[in-house]
Structure formats: structure tokens, C-alpha cells
């Protein structure tokens, strides 16, 4: 974690817009050419001069649009550098809407943003009031004035930020606020979901090393909660630490909310659609658009092959939109994004919620009941006793 010095989210946003114009204009241009192929193919050689003129003008227009986007981004960047740092450092992420947009952009293009050094690239770390909290005891004490030795680390899913844990609660308060009543300090992380899951897992392992070293009070216990992709990042982090055993002995439970342990159908579908579109010349340009997806998105189509870290009580919370999880279609539809089978993964302890969607797992009172029970009751002895499947249907 580092300071926000020289951070310029205005310039970063301008670059993202220019990139979006470039990405979106290319399949449109390709489709234009494909239509020309059909039309002028029917008209024959006699229409060749018209075709050359048509395509020449069109190419100039598309290049002008892309060039205009780049020029506008450069102008905005130049002006933003004249503004005070506090006006540009968090100009986007300081608002709720901006935080949502940044999470989505990083989910789609996060690996690319990181490679380009864009200031909208999400930095891994605890976030408080939409700003990253540095690895400094004084800063952590300010952000967590009632810090305890029992820490729950909440890791969001693809295209989200830590704000996902606070939305959709209808005034009930977030999981973190509810856990605080039990003496548990909830640390909501933000990370670049467009980066590879393995890379994020390694980064999380390193971050937790730093966090327990500078936490305001001695850390006695850690519980991990991952939503969707966040659960995969948690699994990877535990696998990284299994050989080094620093913060891992402090972990008592790992809870996976709608985590696609066996892969996500939507990510797999996008992959196969891209391959199908590429087989036809007229639609290949749209395959290029689909292939812009980040490494993080692409990783979701694959099953996770890392073993569950020993000594931890691993619990899955799966959901289905069906009112009855035994219905023939309940598994396939799952929570709308993740099937029941994938969400269950290799877990021996499972809670299945019916009539529930993927995003609802971020705010469902039944999930809070599960988390509260796990974090209040699980002890090392109880963890060792969890050897047989235990399923609860709600």
C-alpha cells in the first residue's frame, strides 16, 4: 500500500474513455466493412470505385473518432494537472457512483489499466470512506477506532469494490456493522478484480502479513469471507500461506458466498461465443471485442485446483433462485450467475439459501446469521471435528 501522492483520477478517467472509444469503434468499423463486402459483392466490379471511396471516407471517420478521443483525453489530463491534488486524487472514487464505475472498469480492464499505470487502477488494501488505508498503525487506528483482536476480512467479487458490502441493506446495516456488535472488526478490502486470481491471492497473502503486523491491537483471530470471485482469492491466499504459515494459524473460518469453485457459466459462455464468432470472417471483429475481457474474468471459467488449507473451517453458502433447491432446474439456474454445484465446490459444510440471487448474498440476513454463528462459535477443536458434510437449507 502506498500514498495517494500524484494520483490523478481525472486523467485516469479520460484515458479510460479514450480506450473505450477505441475498443468499441473497431467492431463497428469491422461490421461496416462486412456489410460493404455483401453489398458491393452483389454490385460487382463496376461499383469498385464507389466502394473504394466509401471505405476510404469511413476509415477516415473512424480514425478521426479514435484520434478525437485521444486528443480529448490529453487535453483533460493537461487541465487536470493544473488543479490542486485534493481535487483530482479521488475525483471519481470519492462518490458512491464513481466507486461502482471504478469497480466495474477494473473488472473488465483491470489488468490493462495496471499495465498502463492508469490512476483508476484499484490498489489492494483496506478501504475506509472510499479511500485506501495505508499500512500504518496510526492510519488504521483512525479508520478503526474500536479495533479488536478479532478481525474479519471481507473480500468482494468481480467488478465490485468494498462498497458492495454496504449496498442493498434497506437500512439494516452492513455485515461489518452487525459483526462489530460481537466484538469483531470487519476489514473490507478493495482489489483489482481484473488481475489474475492467482496474482490477487498472492497479493492478499502478503497484505495480511502486513496488516497483522501494524493492526492497532494484537491480532488473536482472523475469519475470512469472500463473495463470488473473492472466495477464490481467499482460497488462493490460504494456499500461498500454507507453506509459510505466518497469518494462517490465526484463521479460524473461511466462508465462501456464491463462489464459483467449479467455474462460472457466464465466463465460459463468453469464451465459447468468442471462439464461435471468430470462425466467421464477418463476425470475427466482435470476437475481438469479447476478447478484451480481463484475465480475472477469463479465470472465472476454470475450476479452482488448489486444495483447501488445513486447520480452517471452510463453509460454503450457495444460493438458488428456485423456491425449492431439489427442483430439477435449481442447480442449473443457481443464483443467476453461479450454479449450486459450483458454489458448493469441495466444501464439507454447506448452507443453501433458496429464492436468493447472487448479489443478494451481500446483504441477506440469513447470511449474517451464518457469519455470526461461525465467528462467535468456531474454535480450533470444533474445526478439527468438521469432517462430514453438513448441509443447512434456508
Protein backbone atom coordinates (compact mmCIF):
# COMPACT_ATOMS: atom_id res chain seq x y z
CA UNK A 1 0.00 0.00 0.00
CA UNK A 2 1.29 3.46 -0.79
CA UNK A 3 0.27 7.08 -0.55
CA UNK A 4 -2.06 8.91 -2.91
CA UNK A 5 0.60 11.45 -3.90
CA UNK A 6 0.42 12.43 -7.58
CA UNK A 7 -2.72 10.34 -8.04
CA UNK A 8 -4.91 11.84 -10.78
CA UNK A 9 -8.23 10.10 -11.26
CA UNK A 10 -9.45 12.75 -13.69
CA UNK A 11 -6.62 11.89 -16.09
CA UNK A 12 -7.23 8.20 -15.48
CA UNK A 13 -10.92 8.54 -16.33
CA UNK A 14 -10.11 10.46 -19.51
CA UNK A 15 -7.75 7.69 -20.62
CA UNK A 16 -10.41 5.06 -19.90
CA UNK A 17 -12.93 6.92 -22.06
CA UNK A 18 -10.42 7.17 -24.90
CA UNK A 19 -9.68 3.46 -24.56
CA UNK A 20 -13.40 2.64 -24.61
CA UNK A 21 -13.88 4.69 -27.80
CA UNK A 22 -11.00 2.83 -29.41
CA UNK A 23 -12.25 -0.61 -28.34
CA UNK A 24 -15.90 -0.07 -29.29
CA UNK A 25 -15.23 1.65 -32.61
CA UNK A 26 -13.25 -1.25 -34.05
CA UNK A 27 -16.04 -3.88 -34.20
CA UNK A 28 -18.39 -1.19 -35.56
CA UNK A 29 -15.85 -0.41 -38.26
CA UNK A 30 -15.40 -4.11 -38.95
CA UNK A 31 -19.16 -4.57 -39.27
CA UNK A 32 -19.29 -1.63 -41.69
CA UNK A 33 -16.70 -3.37 -43.86
CA UNK A 34 -18.55 -6.69 -43.65
CA UNK A 35 -21.74 -5.02 -44.89
CA UNK A 36 -19.75 -3.43 -47.71
CA UNK A 37 -18.44 -6.86 -48.67
CA UNK A 38 -22.01 -8.11 -49.10
CA UNK A 39 -23.41 -5.03 -50.86
CA UNK A 40 -20.53 -4.42 -53.24
CA UNK A 41 -20.14 -8.14 -53.81
CA UNK A 42 -23.63 -8.09 -55.32
CA UNK A 43 -22.97 -4.93 -57.33
CA UNK A 44 -19.80 -6.40 -58.86
CA UNK A 45 -16.64 -4.79 -60.25
CA UNK A 46 -18.46 -1.86 -61.76
CA UNK A 47 -19.03 -0.49 -58.24
CA UNK A 48 -15.38 -0.83 -57.22
CA UNK A 49 -14.62 2.94 -57.42
CA UNK A 50 -17.61 3.71 -55.22
CA UNK A 51 -16.53 1.04 -52.75
CA UNK A 52 -13.01 2.44 -52.52
CA UNK A 53 -14.38 5.93 -51.91
CA UNK A 54 -16.93 4.67 -49.37
CA UNK A 55 -14.41 2.68 -47.36
CA UNK A 56 -11.80 5.43 -47.56
CA UNK A 57 -14.16 8.01 -46.13
CA UNK A 58 -15.42 5.58 -43.47
CA UNK A 59 -11.87 4.70 -42.38
CA UNK A 60 -11.03 8.38 -42.05
CA UNK A 61 -14.14 8.96 -39.92
CA UNK A 62 -13.34 6.07 -37.58
CA UNK A 63 -9.72 7.18 -37.25
CA UNK A 64 -10.90 10.71 -36.55
CA UNK A 65 -13.22 9.47 -33.83
CA UNK A 66 -10.42 7.50 -32.19
CA UNK A 67 -7.97 10.35 -32.61
CA UNK A 68 -10.51 12.77 -31.17
CA UNK A 69 -10.87 10.58 -28.12
CA UNK A 70 -7.11 10.55 -27.56
CA UNK A 71 -6.83 14.32 -28.11
CA UNK A 72 -9.68 15.00 -25.70
CA UNK A 73 -8.07 12.74 -23.07
CA UNK A 74 -4.76 14.57 -23.44
CA UNK A 75 -6.50 17.94 -23.07
CA UNK A 76 -8.39 16.85 -19.97
CA UNK A 77 -5.19 15.43 -18.49
CA UNK A 78 -3.30 18.67 -19.13
CA UNK A 79 -6.01 20.76 -17.45
CA UNK A 80 -6.34 18.37 -14.50
CA UNK A 81 -2.62 18.72 -13.75
CA UNK A 82 -3.20 22.39 -13.05
CA UNK A 83 -5.75 21.63 -10.34
CA UNK A 84 -4.94 21.05 -6.65
CA UNK A 85 -4.09 17.46 -5.79
CA UNK A 86 -7.06 17.07 -3.46
CA UNK A 87 -9.37 17.91 -6.37
CA UNK A 88 -8.11 15.16 -8.65
CA UNK A 89 -6.66 12.40 -6.43
CA UNK A 90 -10.10 10.89 -5.65
CA UNK A 91 -12.34 12.82 -8.02
CA UNK A 92 -14.04 9.61 -9.17
CA UNK A 93 -13.81 7.14 -6.28
CA UNK A 94 -14.90 9.67 -3.63
CA UNK A 95 -18.53 9.25 -4.73
CA UNK A 96 -20.71 6.16 -4.43
CA UNK A 97 -21.48 6.13 -8.16
CA UNK A 98 -17.82 6.66 -9.02
CA UNK A 99 -16.80 3.78 -6.79
CA UNK A 100 -19.23 1.49 -8.62
CA UNK A 101 -17.91 2.61 -12.01
CA UNK A 102 -14.28 2.13 -10.98
CA UNK A 103 -15.04 -1.38 -9.72
CA UNK A 104 -16.74 -2.30 -12.99
CA UNK A 105 -13.97 -0.80 -15.14
CA UNK A 106 -11.31 -2.66 -13.19
CA UNK A 107 -13.27 -5.88 -13.54
CA UNK A 108 -13.33 -5.50 -17.33
CA UNK A 109 -9.94 -3.88 -17.94
CA UNK A 110 -8.06 -4.04 -14.65
CA UNK A 111 -5.02 -5.92 -15.94
CA UNK A 112 -4.71 -3.46 -18.81
CA UNK A 113 -5.09 -0.43 -16.55
CA UNK A 114 -2.37 -1.76 -14.27
CA UNK A 115 -0.01 -2.35 -17.18
CA UNK A 116 -0.59 1.22 -18.42
CA UNK A 117 -0.20 2.76 -14.97
CA UNK A 118 -3.68 4.29 -15.07
CA UNK A 119 -4.60 6.04 -11.81
CA UNK A 120 -8.01 4.39 -11.77
CA UNK A 121 -6.30 1.05 -11.20
CA UNK A 122 -7.59 -0.29 -7.90
CA UNK A 123 -4.98 -0.73 -5.20
CA UNK A 124 -5.31 -3.71 -2.86
CA UNK A 125 -5.94 -2.80 0.73
CA UNK A 126 -8.46 -1.94 3.43
CA UNK A 127 -10.62 0.99 2.37
CA UNK A 128 -12.34 3.46 4.65
CA UNK A 129 -14.73 6.10 3.34
CA UNK A 130 -13.75 5.04 -0.20
CA UNK A 131 -10.05 5.71 0.34
CA UNK A 132 -7.28 3.21 0.91
CA UNK A 133 -5.90 2.96 4.43
CA UNK A 134 -2.11 2.70 4.45
CA UNK A 135 -0.13 0.05 6.30
CA UNK A 136 0.43 2.38 9.21
CA UNK A 137 -0.83 1.86 12.74
CA UNK A 138 -1.88 5.48 13.18
CA UNK A 139 -3.92 5.45 9.96
CA UNK A 140 -5.54 2.15 10.89
CA UNK A 141 -6.37 3.46 14.35
CA UNK A 142 -8.12 6.46 12.79
CA UNK A 143 -10.07 4.27 10.38
CA UNK A 144 -10.87 1.60 13.00
CA UNK A 145 -11.09 3.43 16.36
CA UNK A 146 -12.72 0.41 18.03
CA UNK A 147 -10.33 -2.18 16.61
CA UNK A 148 -10.30 -5.53 18.38
CA UNK A 149 -8.05 -8.57 18.16
CA UNK A 150 -10.73 -10.50 16.26
CA UNK A 151 -10.59 -9.45 12.61
CA UNK A 152 -12.99 -10.47 9.84
CA UNK A 153 -11.59 -9.80 6.36
CA UNK A 154 -14.30 -9.27 3.71
CA UNK A 155 -13.27 -9.73 0.07
CA UNK A 156 -15.71 -8.60 -2.64
CA UNK A 157 -16.40 -10.14 -6.04
CA UNK A 158 -15.78 -9.32 -9.70
CA UNK A 159 -16.40 -5.73 -10.76
CA UNK A 160 -17.18 -4.63 -7.21
CA UNK A 161 -15.46 -2.59 -4.53
CA UNK A 162 -15.72 -2.71 -0.75
CA UNK A 163 -18.87 -0.59 -1.13
CA UNK A 164 -20.72 -3.72 -2.28
CA UNK A 165 -20.94 -4.81 1.36
CA UNK A 166 -22.87 -1.64 2.25
CA UNK A 167 -25.45 -1.55 -0.52
CA UNK A 168 -28.86 -3.24 -0.63
CA UNK A 169 -29.32 -3.41 3.14
CA UNK A 170 -32.51 -1.37 3.30
CA UNK A 171 -31.44 0.35 6.49
CA UNK A 172 -30.49 -2.88 8.28
CA UNK A 173 -26.77 -2.03 8.40
CA UNK A 174 -23.95 -3.91 6.75
CA UNK A 175 -22.45 -7.22 7.86
CA UNK A 176 -19.49 -5.32 9.29
CA UNK A 177 -21.69 -3.16 11.48
CA UNK A 178 -23.55 -6.20 12.76
CA UNK A 179 -20.33 -8.13 13.47
CA UNK A 180 -18.95 -5.16 15.41
CA UNK A 181 -21.66 -5.77 18.00
CA UNK A 182 -19.95 -9.11 18.69
CA UNK A 183 -16.52 -7.55 19.13
CA UNK A 184 -15.38 -8.37 15.60
CA UNK A 185 -13.56 -5.78 13.48
CA UNK A 186 -14.65 -6.10 9.86
CA UNK A 187 -11.99 -5.03 7.37
CA UNK A 188 -13.46 -4.55 3.89
CA UNK A 189 -10.79 -4.86 1.21
CA UNK A 190 -10.76 -3.44 -2.29
CA UNK A 191 -8.71 -5.11 -5.01
CA UNK A 192 -8.29 -5.13 -8.79
CA UNK A 193 -10.67 -7.86 -9.94
CA UNK A 194 -9.36 -7.64 -13.49
CA UNK A 195 -6.00 -9.05 -12.40
CA UNK A 196 -5.49 -12.83 -12.32
CA UNK A 197 -7.00 -14.70 -9.38
CA UNK A 198 -3.68 -16.34 -8.58
CA UNK A 199 -1.95 -12.94 -8.52
CA UNK A 200 -4.65 -11.48 -6.29
CA UNK A 201 -4.37 -14.45 -3.94
CA UNK A 202 -0.64 -13.93 -3.57
CA UNK A 203 -1.17 -10.20 -3.05
CA UNK A 204 -3.81 -10.86 -0.38
CA UNK A 205 -1.44 -13.22 1.45
CA UNK A 206 1.20 -10.50 1.53
CA UNK A 207 -1.27 -7.85 2.62
CA UNK A 208 -2.48 -9.92 5.58
CA UNK A 209 1.14 -10.31 6.69
CA UNK A 210 1.42 -6.52 6.74
CA UNK A 211 -1.98 -5.99 8.33
CA UNK A 212 -1.43 -8.16 11.39
CA UNK A 213 1.95 -6.51 11.95
CA UNK A 214 0.52 -2.98 12.14
CA UNK A 215 -3.02 -3.62 13.43
CA UNK A 216 -3.76 -1.28 16.40
CA UNK A 217 -4.06 -4.22 18.83
CA UNK A 218 -2.55 -7.72 18.74
CA UNK A 219 -4.49 -9.95 16.33
CA UNK A 220 -5.74 -13.10 18.02
CA UNK A 221 -8.08 -14.44 15.37
CA UNK A 222 -8.91 -13.96 11.70
CA UNK A 223 -12.03 -15.00 9.80
CA UNK A 224 -12.18 -14.73 6.02
CA UNK A 225 -15.30 -14.01 3.95
CA UNK A 226 -15.26 -13.98 0.16
CA UNK A 227 -18.13 -13.14 -2.16
CA UNK A 228 -18.04 -14.71 -5.63
CA UNK A 229 -14.52 -14.21 -7.07
CA UNK A 230 -13.46 -13.04 -3.62
CA UNK A 231 -13.85 -16.58 -2.33
CA UNK A 232 -11.42 -17.84 -4.97
CA UNK A 233 -8.93 -15.15 -3.98
CA UNK A 234 -9.27 -16.28 -0.35
CA UNK A 235 -8.62 -19.92 -1.33
CA UNK A 236 -5.52 -18.89 -3.28
CA UNK A 237 -4.22 -16.74 -0.43
CA UNK A 238 -4.55 -19.61 2.03
CA UNK A 239 -2.76 -21.94 -0.40
CA UNK A 240 0.11 -19.44 -0.72
CA UNK A 241 0.47 -19.21 3.04
CA UNK A 242 0.19 -22.96 3.67
CA UNK A 243 3.95 -23.32 3.17
CA UNK A 244 4.96 -20.22 5.15
CA UNK A 245 2.39 -20.20 7.97
CA UNK A 246 2.52 -16.58 9.15
CA UNK A 247 -1.04 -15.23 9.48
CA UNK A 248 -2.63 -18.55 8.53
CA UNK A 249 -2.55 -20.06 12.06
CA UNK A 250 -4.77 -17.20 13.17
CA UNK A 251 -7.51 -18.06 10.66
CA UNK A 252 -10.43 -19.98 12.13
CA UNK A 253 -13.03 -19.92 9.36
CA UNK A 254 -13.27 -19.18 5.67
CA UNK A 255 -16.77 -18.56 4.34
CA UNK A 256 -17.47 -18.57 0.59
CA UNK A 257 -20.60 -16.73 -0.58
CA UNK A 258 -21.71 -17.76 -4.08
CA UNK A 259 -18.13 -18.61 -5.04
CA UNK A 260 -17.72 -20.39 -8.43
CA UNK A 261 -15.31 -23.10 -7.28
CA UNK A 262 -16.08 -25.13 -10.41
CA UNK A 263 -16.16 -22.14 -12.75
CA UNK A 264 -18.86 -19.63 -13.76
CA UNK A 265 -21.15 -20.48 -16.70
CA UNK A 266 -21.29 -16.88 -17.94
CA UNK A 267 -17.50 -16.65 -18.25
CA UNK A 268 -17.42 -20.00 -20.02
CA UNK A 269 -20.21 -18.89 -22.35
CA UNK A 270 -18.37 -15.70 -23.31
CA UNK A 271 -15.25 -17.74 -24.09
CA UNK A 272 -17.10 -20.15 -26.37
CA UNK A 273 -19.10 -17.36 -28.03
CA UNK A 274 -15.86 -15.60 -28.86
CA UNK A 275 -14.44 -18.78 -30.41
CA UNK A 276 -17.62 -19.26 -32.47
CA UNK A 277 -17.68 -15.65 -33.71
CA UNK A 278 -14.05 -15.90 -34.77
CA UNK A 279 -14.83 -18.74 -37.17
CA UNK A 280 -16.82 -16.40 -39.44
CA UNK A 281 -14.95 -13.52 -41.07
CA UNK A 282 -17.89 -11.13 -40.85
CA UNK A 283 -18.27 -11.63 -37.08
CA UNK A 284 -14.60 -12.02 -36.12
CA UNK A 285 -14.39 -8.34 -35.15
CA UNK A 286 -16.95 -8.91 -32.40
CA UNK A 287 -14.82 -11.77 -31.10
CA UNK A 288 -12.06 -9.19 -30.73
CA UNK A 289 -14.39 -7.15 -28.53
CA UNK A 290 -15.21 -10.14 -26.31
CA UNK A 291 -11.53 -10.99 -26.04
CA UNK A 292 -10.82 -7.61 -24.48
CA UNK A 293 -12.07 -9.15 -21.22
CA UNK A 294 -9.60 -9.12 -18.37
CA UNK A 295 -7.57 -12.02 -17.09
CA UNK A 296 -9.69 -12.03 -13.96
CA UNK A 297 -12.87 -12.57 -15.97
CA UNK A 298 -11.24 -15.29 -18.03
CA UNK A 299 -10.03 -17.08 -14.88
CA UNK A 300 -13.65 -17.50 -13.76
CA UNK A 301 -14.36 -20.05 -16.46
CA UNK A 302 -11.91 -22.52 -14.90
CA UNK A 303 -12.33 -24.72 -11.85
CA UNK A 304 -10.05 -23.86 -8.93
CA UNK A 305 -7.48 -26.60 -8.44
CA UNK A 306 -5.89 -25.54 -5.14
CA UNK A 307 -6.56 -27.69 -2.09
CA UNK A 308 -8.38 -26.26 0.90
CA UNK A 309 -5.92 -25.11 3.55
CA UNK A 310 -5.97 -27.47 6.57
CA UNK A 311 -6.88 -26.34 10.07
CA UNK A 312 -9.60 -23.97 8.85
CA UNK A 313 -13.34 -24.43 8.96
CA UNK A 314 -14.31 -23.95 5.29
CA UNK A 315 -18.00 -23.16 4.78
CA UNK A 316 -19.89 -22.58 1.53
CA UNK A 317 -23.07 -20.55 1.23
CA UNK A 318 -24.79 -21.41 -2.05
CA UNK A 319 -27.98 -19.88 -3.40
CA UNK A 320 -30.62 -20.67 -5.96
CA UNK A 321 -33.39 -18.57 -7.42
CA UNK A 322 -35.65 -21.60 -7.12
CA UNK A 323 -38.02 -21.83 -4.19
CA UNK A 324 -37.00 -25.48 -3.77
CA UNK A 325 -33.37 -26.49 -4.12
CA UNK A 326 -34.41 -30.02 -5.10
CA UNK A 327 -36.24 -28.78 -8.21
CA UNK A 328 -34.76 -30.14 -11.44
CA UNK A 329 -33.69 -26.68 -12.56
CA UNK A 330 -32.47 -25.35 -9.20
CA UNK A 331 -28.84 -26.36 -9.71
CA UNK A 332 -28.53 -25.13 -13.28
CA UNK A 333 -30.02 -21.69 -12.61
CA UNK A 334 -28.24 -21.38 -9.27
CA UNK A 335 -28.16 -17.81 -8.01
CA UNK A 336 -28.34 -16.46 -11.56
CA UNK A 337 -24.58 -16.41 -12.07
CA UNK A 338 -23.19 -19.42 -10.22
CA UNK A 339 -24.67 -22.94 -10.20
CA UNK A 340 -25.31 -24.72 -6.92
CA UNK A 341 -22.72 -27.36 -7.78
CA UNK A 342 -20.05 -24.78 -8.44
CA UNK A 343 -20.89 -22.80 -5.30
CA UNK A 344 -20.70 -25.94 -3.19
CA UNK A 345 -17.30 -26.93 -4.57
CA UNK A 346 -15.27 -29.20 -2.28
CA UNK A 347 -16.82 -27.91 0.94
CA UNK A 348 -17.95 -30.36 3.60
CA UNK A 349 -20.05 -27.74 5.36
CA UNK A 350 -22.76 -26.09 3.32
CA UNK A 351 -25.67 -23.68 3.71
CA UNK A 352 -28.10 -23.43 0.80
CA UNK A 353 -30.39 -20.40 0.50
CA UNK A 354 -33.46 -20.71 -1.71
CA UNK A 355 -35.15 -17.87 -3.58
CA UNK A 356 -31.93 -15.88 -3.47
CA UNK A 357 -29.81 -14.20 -6.17
CA UNK A 358 -26.08 -13.73 -6.44
CA UNK A 359 -25.91 -10.10 -5.29
CA UNK A 360 -28.43 -10.71 -2.51
CA UNK A 361 -25.75 -12.75 -0.73
CA UNK A 362 -24.10 -9.44 0.13
CA UNK A 363 -26.99 -8.38 2.34
CA UNK A 364 -29.17 -11.39 3.21
CA UNK A 365 -29.99 -11.65 6.96
CA UNK A 366 -29.61 -15.43 6.68
CA UNK A 367 -26.01 -14.97 5.55
CA UNK A 368 -25.39 -12.70 8.52
CA UNK A 369 -26.75 -15.44 10.80
CA UNK A 370 -24.27 -17.90 9.29
CA UNK A 371 -21.34 -15.48 9.65
CA UNK A 372 -22.24 -14.56 13.21
CA UNK A 373 -22.55 -18.18 14.28
CA UNK A 374 -19.28 -19.16 12.62
CA UNK A 375 -17.28 -16.29 14.05
CA UNK A 376 -18.79 -16.48 17.51
CA UNK A 377 -18.62 -20.24 17.97
CA UNK A 378 -15.89 -21.83 15.87
CA UNK A 379 -12.87 -22.94 17.90
CA UNK A 380 -9.83 -24.95 16.81
CA UNK A 381 -11.30 -28.10 18.37
CA UNK A 382 -14.58 -27.63 16.50
CA UNK A 383 -12.72 -27.03 13.27
CA UNK A 384 -10.93 -30.36 13.57
CA UNK A 385 -14.29 -32.11 14.04
CA UNK A 386 -15.72 -30.88 10.72
CA UNK A 387 -15.13 -33.96 8.58
CA UNK A 388 -18.57 -34.94 7.30
CA UNK A 389 -20.91 -32.98 5.01
CA UNK A 390 -23.25 -30.75 6.97
CA UNK A 391 -25.93 -29.02 4.92
CA UNK A 392 -28.46 -26.50 6.07
CA UNK A 393 -31.27 -25.36 3.79
CA UNK A 394 -32.88 -21.99 4.45
